[in-house]
Amino acid sequence: MEIPNGVKVGVAVVALAGAGFFLWKHFSTADGDDTTFTTTPRYFSCTSNHDFTTTAAEMRQISTANAGIMICPECKAPAVEKFKCPKCSKFVDFVGHGQDPTVCPSCKAKLD
């Protein structure tokens, strides 16, 4: 038994509408004023060993103004993002491909 073309088109339209709804629901936020990402602190250390903290929005502004390179606000040297240990507050390197370390190299605390 062959399925009529009208039914096939109807099923395709419903499937596309459903996919569009779920994508819209996934990428929209209930609160339009959600600033969690832009206000999340980001930690950096420059090549001159100055540690500093910025928000994600400030990081984007600084790196955009400097050809994609994050610079130290104190000495203008290039900086790299770090992980801040919640136990000793030291800025340490990420491990692997940007993953948080499991043990702080400074205070040896387990970071689960």
C-alpha atoms as a PDB file:
ATOM      1  CA  MET A   1       0.000   0.000   0.000  1.00  0.00           C
ATOM      2  CA  GLU A   2       1.491   3.313  -1.073  1.00  0.00           C
ATOM      3  CA  ILE A   3       1.294   6.373   1.179  1.00  0.00           C
ATOM      4  CA  PRO A   4      -0.294   9.393  -0.543  1.00  0.00           C
ATOM      5  CA  ASN A   5       1.964  12.385  -1.257  1.00  0.00           C
ATOM      6  CA  GLY A   6      -0.307  14.677   0.782  1.00  0.00           C
ATOM      7  CA  VAL A   7       0.306  12.605   3.907  1.00  0.00           C
ATOM      8  CA  LYS A   8       4.070  12.643   3.323  1.00  0.00           C
ATOM      9  CA  VAL A   9       4.050  16.424   2.946  1.00  0.00           C
ATOM     10  CA  GLY A  10       1.911  16.792   6.071  1.00  0.00           C
ATOM     11  CA  VAL A  11       4.265  14.640   8.140  1.00  0.00           C
ATOM     12  CA  ALA A  12       7.283  16.595   6.853  1.00  0.00           C
ATOM     13  CA  VAL A  13       5.657  19.932   7.763  1.00  0.00           C
ATOM     14  CA  VAL A  14       4.783  18.729  11.279  1.00  0.00           C
ATOM     15  CA  ALA A  15       8.320  17.349  11.776  1.00  0.00           C
ATOM     16  CA  LEU A  16       9.930  20.630  10.668  1.00  0.00           C
ATOM     17  CA  ALA A  17       7.608  22.657  12.877  1.00  0.00           C
ATOM     18  CA  GLY A  18       8.420  20.433  15.851  1.00  0.00           C
ATOM     19  CA  ALA A  19      12.156  20.694  15.213  1.00  0.00           C
ATOM     20  CA  GLY A  20      11.883  24.479  14.936  1.00  0.00           C
ATOM     21  CA  PHE A  21       9.973  24.657  18.227  1.00  0.00           C
ATOM     22  CA  PHE A  22      12.517  22.532  20.075  1.00  0.00           C
ATOM     23  CA  LEU A  23      15.442  24.548  18.696  1.00  0.00           C
ATOM     24  CA  TRP A  24      13.738  27.797  19.697  1.00  0.00           C
ATOM     25  CA  LYS A  25      13.017  26.402  23.175  1.00  0.00           C
ATOM     26  CA  HIS A  26      16.612  25.186  23.575  1.00  0.00           C
ATOM     27  CA  PHE A  27      18.313  28.449  22.566  1.00  0.00           C
ATOM     28  CA  SER A  28      15.938  30.923  24.169  1.00  0.00           C
ATOM     29  CA  THR A  29      15.997  31.723  27.877  1.00  0.00           C
ATOM     30  CA  ALA A  30      12.980  32.181  30.088  1.00  0.00           C
ATOM     31  CA  ASP A  31      14.498  35.348  31.506  1.00  0.00           C
ATOM     32  CA  GLY A  32      15.603  37.784  28.812  1.00  0.00           C
ATOM     33  CA  ASP A  33      17.890  39.528  31.323  1.00  0.00           C
ATOM     34  CA  ASP A  34      20.033  36.448  32.039  1.00  0.00           C
ATOM     35  CA  THR A  35      23.583  37.815  32.272  1.00  0.00           C
ATOM     36  CA  THR A  36      25.195  34.769  33.890  1.00  0.00           C
ATOM     37  CA  PHE A  37      27.650  34.168  31.050  1.00  0.00           C
ATOM     38  CA  THR A  38      28.743  37.780  30.631  1.00  0.00           C
ATOM     39  CA  THR A  39      29.217  38.341  34.375  1.00  0.00           C
ATOM     40  CA  THR A  40      30.990  35.051  35.132  1.00  0.00           C
ATOM     41  CA  PRO A  41      34.531  35.791  36.365  1.00  0.00           C
ATOM     42  CA  ARG A  42      37.405  34.734  34.107  1.00  0.00           C
ATOM     43  CA  TYR A  43      40.932  34.370  35.506  1.00  0.00           C
ATOM     44  CA  PHE A  44      44.149  35.243  33.672  1.00  0.00           C
ATOM     45  CA  SER A  45      47.906  35.417  34.207  1.00  0.00           C
ATOM     46  CA  CYS A  46      50.209  37.386  31.937  1.00  0.00           C
ATOM     47  CA  THR A  47      53.748  36.571  30.874  1.00  0.00           C
ATOM     48  CA  SER A  48      54.980  38.962  33.593  1.00  0.00           C
ATOM     49  CA  ASN A  49      53.147  36.849  36.238  1.00  0.00           C
ATOM     50  CA  HIS A  50      50.407  39.369  37.011  1.00  0.00           C
ATOM     51  CA  ASP A  51      47.128  37.670  37.940  1.00  0.00           C
ATOM     52  CA  PHE A  52      43.865  39.440  37.115  1.00  0.00           C
ATOM     53  CA  THR A  53      40.157  38.737  36.903  1.00  0.00           C
ATOM     54  CA  THR A  54      37.669  39.961  34.301  1.00  0.00           C
ATOM     55  CA  THR A  55      34.125  39.137  33.317  1.00  0.00           C
ATOM     56  CA  ALA A  56      33.421  37.327  30.060  1.00  0.00           C
ATOM     57  CA  ALA A  57      32.074  40.573  28.575  1.00  0.00           C
ATOM     58  CA  GLU A  58      35.255  42.488  29.527  1.00  0.00           C
ATOM     59  CA  MET A  59      37.400  39.647  28.167  1.00  0.00           C
ATOM     60  CA  ARG A  60      35.573  39.821  24.838  1.00  0.00           C
ATOM     61  CA  GLN A  61      36.082  43.615  24.633  1.00  0.00           C
ATOM     62  CA  ILE A  62      39.789  43.468  25.488  1.00  0.00           C
ATOM     63  CA  SER A  63      40.623  40.588  23.167  1.00  0.00           C
ATOM     64  CA  THR A  64      38.575  42.070  20.298  1.00  0.00           C
ATOM     65  CA  ALA A  65      40.422  45.375  20.626  1.00  0.00           C
ATOM     66  CA  ASN A  66      43.773  43.535  20.523  1.00  0.00           C
ATOM     67  CA  ALA A  67      43.383  41.247  17.498  1.00  0.00           C
ATOM     68  CA  GLY A  68      42.061  38.346  19.589  1.00  0.00           C
ATOM     69  CA  ILE A  69      44.832  38.454  22.187  1.00  0.00           C
ATOM     70  CA  MET A  70      44.026  38.929  25.864  1.00  0.00           C
ATOM     71  CA  ILE A  71      46.402  41.449  27.406  1.00  0.00           C
ATOM     72  CA  CYS A  72      47.233  42.340  30.994  1.00  0.00           C
ATOM     73  CA  PRO A  73      45.649  45.629  32.089  1.00  0.00           C
ATOM     74  CA  GLU A  74      48.711  46.353  34.262  1.00  0.00           C
ATOM     75  CA  CYS A  75      51.650  45.799  31.900  1.00  0.00           C
ATOM     76  CA  LYS A  76      49.973  45.126  28.495  1.00  0.00           C
ATOM     77  CA  ALA A  77      51.729  41.738  28.164  1.00  0.00           C
ATOM     78  CA  PRO A  78      49.865  38.783  26.578  1.00  0.00           C
ATOM     79  CA  ALA A  79      47.834  36.734  29.039  1.00  0.00           C
ATOM     80  CA  VAL A  80      46.408  33.212  29.171  1.00  0.00           C
ATOM     81  CA  GLU A  81      43.289  31.988  30.926  1.00  0.00           C
ATOM     82  CA  LYS A  82      43.800  30.105  34.184  1.00  0.00           C
ATOM     83  CA  PHE A  83      41.798  28.066  36.675  1.00  0.00           C
ATOM     84  CA  LYS A  84      41.352  29.555  40.154  1.00  0.00           C
ATOM     85  CA  CYS A  85      41.675  26.994  42.934  1.00  0.00           C
ATOM     86  CA  PRO A  86      38.675  27.312  45.269  1.00  0.00           C
ATOM     87  CA  LYS A  87      40.823  26.217  48.229  1.00  0.00           C
ATOM     88  CA  CYS A  88      43.975  28.373  47.985  1.00  0.00           C
ATOM     89  CA  SER A  89      42.812  30.945  45.370  1.00  0.00           C
ATOM     90  CA  LYS A  90      45.964  30.446  43.269  1.00  0.00           C
ATOM     91  CA  PHE A  91      45.675  30.706  39.499  1.00  0.00           C
ATOM     92  CA  VAL A  92      46.827  27.435  37.918  1.00  0.00           C
ATOM     93  CA  ASP A  93      46.968  26.065  34.371  1.00  0.00           C
ATOM     94  CA  PHE A  94      44.159  24.031  32.900  1.00  0.00           C
ATOM     95  CA  VAL A  95      44.979  20.429  32.003  1.00  0.00           C
ATOM     96  CA  GLY A  96      44.370  18.663  28.715  1.00  0.00           C
ATOM     97  CA  HIS A  97      42.113  20.657  26.447  1.00  0.00           C
ATOM     98  CA  GLY A  98      40.869  23.324  28.874  1.00  0.00           C
ATOM     99  CA  GLN A  99      39.756  20.940  31.602  1.00  0.00           C
ATOM    100  CA  ASP A 100      39.880  21.836  35.283  1.00  0.00           C
ATOM    101  CA  PRO A 101      42.671  20.049  37.163  1.00  0.00           C
ATOM    102  CA  THR A 102      41.622  17.271  39.564  1.00  0.00           C
ATOM    103  CA  VAL A 103      44.299  18.257  42.103  1.00  0.00           C
ATOM    104  CA  CYS A 104      45.612  21.774  42.699  1.00  0.00           C
ATOM    105  CA  PRO A 105      49.352  21.822  41.935  1.00  0.00           C
ATOM    106  CA  SER A 106      49.818  24.553  44.523  1.00  0.00           C
ATOM    107  CA  CYS A 107      47.979  23.339  47.650  1.00  0.00           C
ATOM    108  CA  LYS A 108      47.447  19.670  46.570  1.00  0.00           C
ATOM    109  CA  ALA A 109      43.711  19.889  47.383  1.00  0.00           C
ATOM    110  CA  LYS A 110      41.390  17.487  45.542  1.00  0.00           C
ATOM    111  CA  LEU A 111      39.150  19.432  43.171  1.00  0.00           C
ATOM    112  CA  ASP A 112      36.080  17.322  42.452  1.00  0.00           C
END
